[in-house]
Amino acid sequence: PRLMLLDEMSLGLSPLVVNELYKVLREIRFRGITIMFVEQNVRRTLSESERAYILETGRVVLSGDAAELREAEKVRKAYFGA
C-alpha cells in the first residue's frame, strides 16, 4: 500500500508493546508508505510524526509541522500541563 490508516493503535496496549509498534511504524514510513493515524497520546504522536492536526470537538484547530506544534503554547497548556 501507499497509505495506511490507523485509529487508536496503542489503546490498551502495554508500554513495551507500544514501543515496538512505533518501531515498526518507523520502518514502514522509511519504506515510503504514508501513515495517517488518530492517537490520544499527544506527546508520543508529536514526537513520532512529521505533520499533525489537532482536533477539538471534531474540528481542526491547529495543524502543521509536528515539532512546531509540540512547542506551541496552546498545545503545551492543553496536553502537557505546561
Protein backbone atom coordinates (compact mmCIF):
# COMPACT_ATOMS: atom_id res chain seq x y z
CA PRO A 1 0.00 0.00 0.00
CA ARG A 2 0.96 3.64 -0.35
CA LEU A 3 -1.17 4.72 2.62
CA MET A 4 -2.01 3.14 5.99
CA LEU A 5 -4.83 4.43 8.17
CA LEU A 6 -4.76 3.58 11.88
CA ASP A 7 -7.15 4.53 14.67
CA GLU A 8 -6.14 4.43 18.35
CA MET A 9 -3.43 1.89 17.63
CA SER A 10 -1.95 1.96 21.15
CA LEU A 11 -5.21 1.87 23.10
CA GLY A 12 -4.99 -0.71 25.88
CA LEU A 13 -1.51 -1.89 24.99
CA SER A 14 1.41 -2.11 27.40
CA PRO A 15 4.18 0.49 27.05
CA LEU A 16 6.58 -2.18 25.76
CA VAL A 17 4.18 -3.22 23.02
CA VAL A 18 3.54 0.43 22.11
CA ASN A 19 7.29 1.00 21.76
CA GLU A 20 7.55 -1.99 19.41
CA LEU A 21 4.54 -0.76 17.44
CA TYR A 22 6.11 2.66 16.87
CA LYS A 23 9.38 1.00 15.88
CA VAL A 24 7.57 -0.99 13.18
CA LEU A 25 5.70 2.12 12.03
CA ARG A 26 9.02 3.99 11.62
CA GLU A 27 10.30 1.11 9.47
CA ILE A 28 7.14 1.24 7.34
CA ARG A 29 7.45 5.02 6.96
CA PHE A 30 11.08 4.72 5.85
CA ARG A 31 9.89 2.41 3.06
CA GLY A 32 7.93 5.34 1.66
CA ILE A 33 4.49 4.41 2.91
CA THR A 34 2.42 7.27 4.30
CA ILE A 35 0.85 6.55 7.69
CA MET A 36 -2.11 8.53 8.96
CA PHE A 37 -3.23 7.78 12.48
CA VAL A 38 -5.50 9.01 15.22
CA GLU A 39 -3.99 8.75 18.67
CA GLN A 40 -4.72 10.00 22.18
CA ASN A 41 -1.06 10.04 23.28
CA VAL A 42 -0.28 13.54 22.04
CA ARG A 43 3.29 13.66 23.36
CA ARG A 44 4.29 10.43 21.65
CA THR A 45 2.37 11.22 18.49
CA LEU A 46 4.02 14.61 18.05
CA SER A 47 7.45 13.11 18.68
CA GLU A 48 6.92 10.39 16.04
CA SER A 49 5.09 12.40 13.38
CA GLU A 50 6.22 14.81 10.71
CA ARG A 51 2.89 16.60 10.45
CA ALA A 52 -0.09 16.77 12.81
CA TYR A 53 -3.63 18.02 13.08
CA ILE A 54 -5.12 18.90 16.47
CA LEU A 55 -8.87 18.41 16.70
CA GLU A 56 -11.34 19.83 19.19
CA THR A 57 -14.94 18.64 19.04
CA GLY A 58 -14.37 17.26 15.56
CA ARG A 59 -12.81 20.38 14.05
CA VAL A 60 -9.19 21.05 13.13
CA VAL A 61 -7.98 23.86 15.40
CA LEU A 62 -4.23 23.56 14.73
CA SER A 63 -2.15 21.92 12.05
CA GLY A 64 1.40 21.95 10.83
CA ASP A 65 4.85 20.60 11.48
CA ALA A 66 4.69 18.25 14.49
CA ALA A 67 7.87 19.67 16.04
CA GLU A 68 6.43 23.18 15.87
CA LEU A 69 3.11 22.06 17.32
CA ARG A 70 4.96 20.39 20.21
CA GLU A 71 6.28 23.83 21.15
CA ALA A 72 3.04 25.75 20.58
CA GLU A 73 1.76 27.32 23.78
CA LYS A 74 -1.82 26.17 23.20
CA VAL A 75 -0.69 22.55 22.75
CA ARG A 76 1.65 22.64 25.76
CA LYS A 77 -1.08 24.02 28.02
CA ALA A 78 -3.83 21.71 26.78
CA TYR A 79 -1.87 18.45 26.64
CA PHE A 80 1.36 18.75 28.60
CA GLY A 81 0.30 20.87 31.58
CA ALA A 82 2.98 23.46 30.83
